[in-house]
Structure formats: structure tokens, C-alpha cells
Amino acid sequence: MLVRLTISQRLTGNKFISCIFLCLIIQPALSISCGQHNSTKMDETNAVKERIDALSGESLGTSSLGKANAHPTANTEFIISHKEAAIPLLIDALNDEKEPMKIGYAAYILRRLQSDEGIGTATNVYKKLSAKGSDISLEERFAMGELMGYLEQVESKAGSPH
């Protein structure tokens, strides 16, 4: 049985083919765009992670009564400028017990970002360092001071009326 298409049916068929053609062209373009977005986000995360790892080599800031403070550096400012990517990585950095400089600077940056997301981790790390008593290094004392500053800020922020 031979079927004849009317003009309107042919247009509908042509529209269908046009839609398929456009979908075949647009879909890969969208995929490439999404892939570039994911790649850019991954690049940002890797760059922030590298800067966080570099915090281990930062110098101590000013010292008062045996307590050293963190200070702004190229790494801290870069990390702060990438807040959303940085916060989870900073919280992970708090757990790096072998790197007290990284812990101290991570707490310092979280305080500057006014993030309360790391409070549980910061509290646990502070307790571990405190348990060492007076047998701690200058770097560990620095980390404890920055952790305490961060925890105090989070506590005062939570207690203040909004």
C-alpha cells in the first residue's frame, strides 16, 4: 500500500528532520560547554588545594607574649577569593595533624571568611592539641591560637542577635 504525504505532512516531516538535525548539533555543543564548566571548576579546586597545601610553608606573623599570629599572604588572599571552593578544602586541612602551620592558617582563613562550617573539626583538633599540654612546638601553639580565635568568632557570631 502506497502512502502519499500531503504538503502539511511533508512540512511536519521536514520540521521533524530539522529538529533532529538541530538537536544533533546543539547537544554536542552543550556537552562541550558543560565539560568546559566542569573542567574549569576542577581547575579552580586544584589551584585552591595547591595554595592550601602551600600554607604549611608560610611564616609566622607578628608575635606577642609568645603567641604568633597569622597574617595575610598571597596564598591566604587567593584562597579567600575562592570562598566556595575553599571552605570544604580548608576544613579538610584542619585535620592535617602533621602540618600545624596549615592548621593555623586554615583556621585563620575560615575566620576571615566568617564560615561556621568547620566548627566541629576545629573543636576536635583544638582538643587534640590541648591534650599535649606544655609539650607543644611553637607551630602547634600557633595553630591552637588560630583555632581558638576561629572558635571564639563562631561562638560570638552564634550568640549575637541577627
Protein backbone atom coordinates (compact mmCIF):
# COMPACT_ATOMS: atom_id res chain seq x y z
CA MET A 1 0.00 0.00 0.00
CA LEU A 2 1.49 3.32 -1.10
CA VAL A 3 1.01 6.24 1.23
CA ARG A 4 1.02 9.78 -0.13
CA LEU A 5 2.05 12.66 2.05
CA THR A 6 0.20 15.89 1.74
CA ILE A 7 2.07 19.22 1.80
CA SER A 8 1.30 19.74 5.50
CA GLN A 9 2.54 16.24 6.28
CA ARG A 10 5.75 16.88 4.34
CA LEU A 11 6.32 20.10 6.29
CA THR A 12 5.73 18.25 9.51
CA GLY A 13 8.24 15.66 8.35
CA ASN A 14 10.69 18.39 7.38
CA LYS A 15 10.19 20.10 10.72
CA PHE A 16 10.87 16.80 12.43
CA ILE A 17 14.07 16.30 10.46
CA SER A 18 15.08 19.90 11.19
CA CYS A 19 14.51 19.35 14.90
CA ILE A 20 16.60 16.20 14.87
CA PHE A 21 19.35 17.99 12.93
CA LEU A 22 19.36 20.89 15.39
CA CYS A 23 19.42 18.52 18.35
CA LEU A 24 22.38 16.69 16.86
CA ILE A 25 24.25 19.97 16.51
CA ILE A 26 23.18 21.65 19.74
CA GLN A 27 23.55 18.67 22.06
CA PRO A 28 27.30 18.21 21.48
CA ALA A 29 27.83 21.96 21.82
CA LEU A 30 26.06 21.91 25.17
CA SER A 31 28.08 18.90 26.27
CA ILE A 32 31.30 20.68 25.38
CA SER A 33 30.13 23.74 27.28
CA CYS A 34 29.24 21.66 30.35
CA GLY A 35 32.54 19.83 30.08
CA GLN A 36 34.42 23.11 30.00
CA HIS A 37 32.48 24.30 33.06
CA ASN A 38 33.32 21.12 34.96
CA SER A 39 36.94 21.36 33.83
CA THR A 40 37.14 25.00 34.96
CA LYS A 41 35.64 24.11 38.34
CA MET A 42 38.12 21.26 38.72
CA ASP A 43 41.00 23.58 37.79
CA GLU A 44 39.80 26.07 40.42
CA THR A 45 39.56 23.35 43.07
CA ASN A 46 43.05 22.08 42.23
CA ALA A 47 44.50 25.60 42.35
CA VAL A 48 42.89 26.25 45.75
CA LYS A 49 44.12 22.89 47.06
CA GLU A 50 47.67 23.70 45.93
CA ARG A 51 47.51 27.04 47.76
CA ILE A 52 46.15 25.37 50.90
CA ASP A 53 48.97 22.82 50.80
CA ALA A 54 51.42 25.73 50.46
CA LEU A 55 50.16 27.15 53.78
CA SER A 56 52.47 24.68 55.52
CA GLY A 57 55.41 26.78 54.40
CA GLU A 58 54.02 30.17 55.42
CA SER A 59 55.87 32.18 58.01
CA LEU A 60 54.52 33.11 61.41
CA GLY A 61 53.15 36.60 61.68
CA THR A 62 53.71 39.03 64.50
CA SER A 63 54.33 37.60 67.92
CA SER A 64 53.05 38.92 71.21
CA LEU A 65 53.76 37.33 74.58
CA GLY A 66 54.93 34.13 72.89
CA LYS A 67 51.84 33.85 70.73
CA ALA A 68 52.34 34.16 66.98
CA ASN A 69 49.55 35.27 64.68
CA ALA A 70 48.70 34.53 61.07
CA HIS A 71 48.99 37.34 58.56
CA PRO A 72 47.72 37.96 55.03
CA THR A 73 49.85 36.36 52.32
CA ALA A 74 49.45 35.75 48.59
CA ASN A 75 48.18 32.25 49.41
CA THR A 76 45.65 33.35 52.02
CA GLU A 77 44.26 36.08 49.79
CA PHE A 78 43.98 33.72 46.80
CA ILE A 79 42.15 31.13 48.93
CA ILE A 80 39.80 33.77 50.35
CA SER A 81 38.95 34.95 46.84
CA HIS A 82 37.73 31.40 46.05
CA LYS A 83 35.45 31.06 49.07
CA GLU A 84 33.01 28.42 47.79
CA ALA A 85 35.71 26.06 46.56
CA ALA A 86 37.93 26.76 49.57
CA ILE A 87 35.71 26.08 52.59
CA PRO A 88 35.48 22.27 52.32
CA LEU A 89 39.20 22.06 51.50
CA LEU A 90 40.06 24.26 54.49
CA ILE A 91 38.02 22.04 56.78
CA ASP A 92 39.95 19.02 55.46
CA ALA A 93 43.20 20.91 56.08
CA LEU A 94 42.29 21.29 59.75
CA ASN A 95 42.74 17.52 60.10
CA ASP A 96 46.32 17.55 58.83
CA GLU A 97 47.88 16.92 62.27
CA LYS A 98 51.42 16.77 60.89
CA GLU A 99 51.13 20.31 59.50
CA PRO A 100 50.33 22.74 62.33
CA MET A 101 51.10 25.76 60.13
CA LYS A 102 48.48 24.59 57.65
CA ILE A 103 46.00 24.06 60.51
CA GLY A 104 46.63 27.53 61.89
CA TYR A 105 46.31 29.28 58.56
CA ALA A 106 43.21 27.22 57.63
CA ALA A 107 41.55 28.38 60.88
CA TYR A 108 42.67 31.97 60.17
CA ILE A 109 41.13 31.87 56.68
CA LEU A 110 37.89 30.26 57.91
CA ARG A 111 37.67 33.07 60.48
CA ARG A 112 38.19 35.70 57.80
CA LEU A 113 35.56 34.03 55.62
CA GLN A 114 33.22 34.07 58.65
CA SER A 115 32.31 30.45 57.98
CA ASP A 116 30.97 28.31 60.79
CA GLU A 117 31.13 25.10 58.75
CA GLY A 118 34.39 23.92 60.32
CA ILE A 119 33.41 24.31 63.97
CA GLY A 120 33.20 20.58 64.74
CA THR A 121 36.53 19.77 63.14
CA ALA A 122 38.21 22.82 64.67
CA THR A 123 36.94 21.87 68.14
CA ASN A 124 38.27 18.31 67.81
CA VAL A 125 41.68 19.46 66.56
CA TYR A 126 41.92 22.07 69.32
CA LYS A 127 41.18 19.38 71.94
CA LYS A 128 43.87 17.08 70.49
CA LEU A 129 46.46 19.84 70.57
CA SER A 130 45.42 20.90 74.09
CA ALA A 131 45.84 17.33 75.30
CA LYS A 132 49.59 17.61 74.58
CA GLY A 133 49.88 20.07 77.44
CA SER A 134 53.00 22.21 77.55
CA ASP A 135 54.92 19.79 75.33
CA ILE A 136 53.97 21.53 72.08
CA SER A 137 56.01 23.26 69.42
CA LEU A 138 55.77 26.94 68.51
CA GLU A 139 53.87 25.94 65.34
CA GLU A 140 51.37 23.89 67.35
CA ARG A 141 50.93 26.80 69.75
CA PHE A 142 50.30 29.00 66.69
CA ALA A 143 47.69 26.51 65.41
CA MET A 144 45.97 26.44 68.81
CA GLY A 145 45.83 30.23 68.92
CA GLU A 146 44.30 30.49 65.46
CA LEU A 147 41.85 27.67 66.21
CA MET A 148 40.83 29.45 69.41
CA GLY A 149 40.36 32.72 67.51
CA TYR A 150 38.20 30.96 64.95
CA LEU A 151 36.11 29.14 67.57
CA GLU A 152 35.60 32.35 69.57
CA GLN A 153 34.43 34.19 66.46
CA VAL A 154 31.96 31.41 65.56
CA GLU A 155 30.69 31.36 69.16
CA SER A 156 30.20 35.14 69.30
CA LYS A 157 28.52 35.09 65.88
CA ALA A 158 26.12 32.36 67.06
CA GLY A 159 25.35 34.28 70.26
CA SER A 160 24.74 37.64 68.60
CA PRO A 161 21.17 38.57 67.65
CA HIS A 162 20.56 38.89 63.91
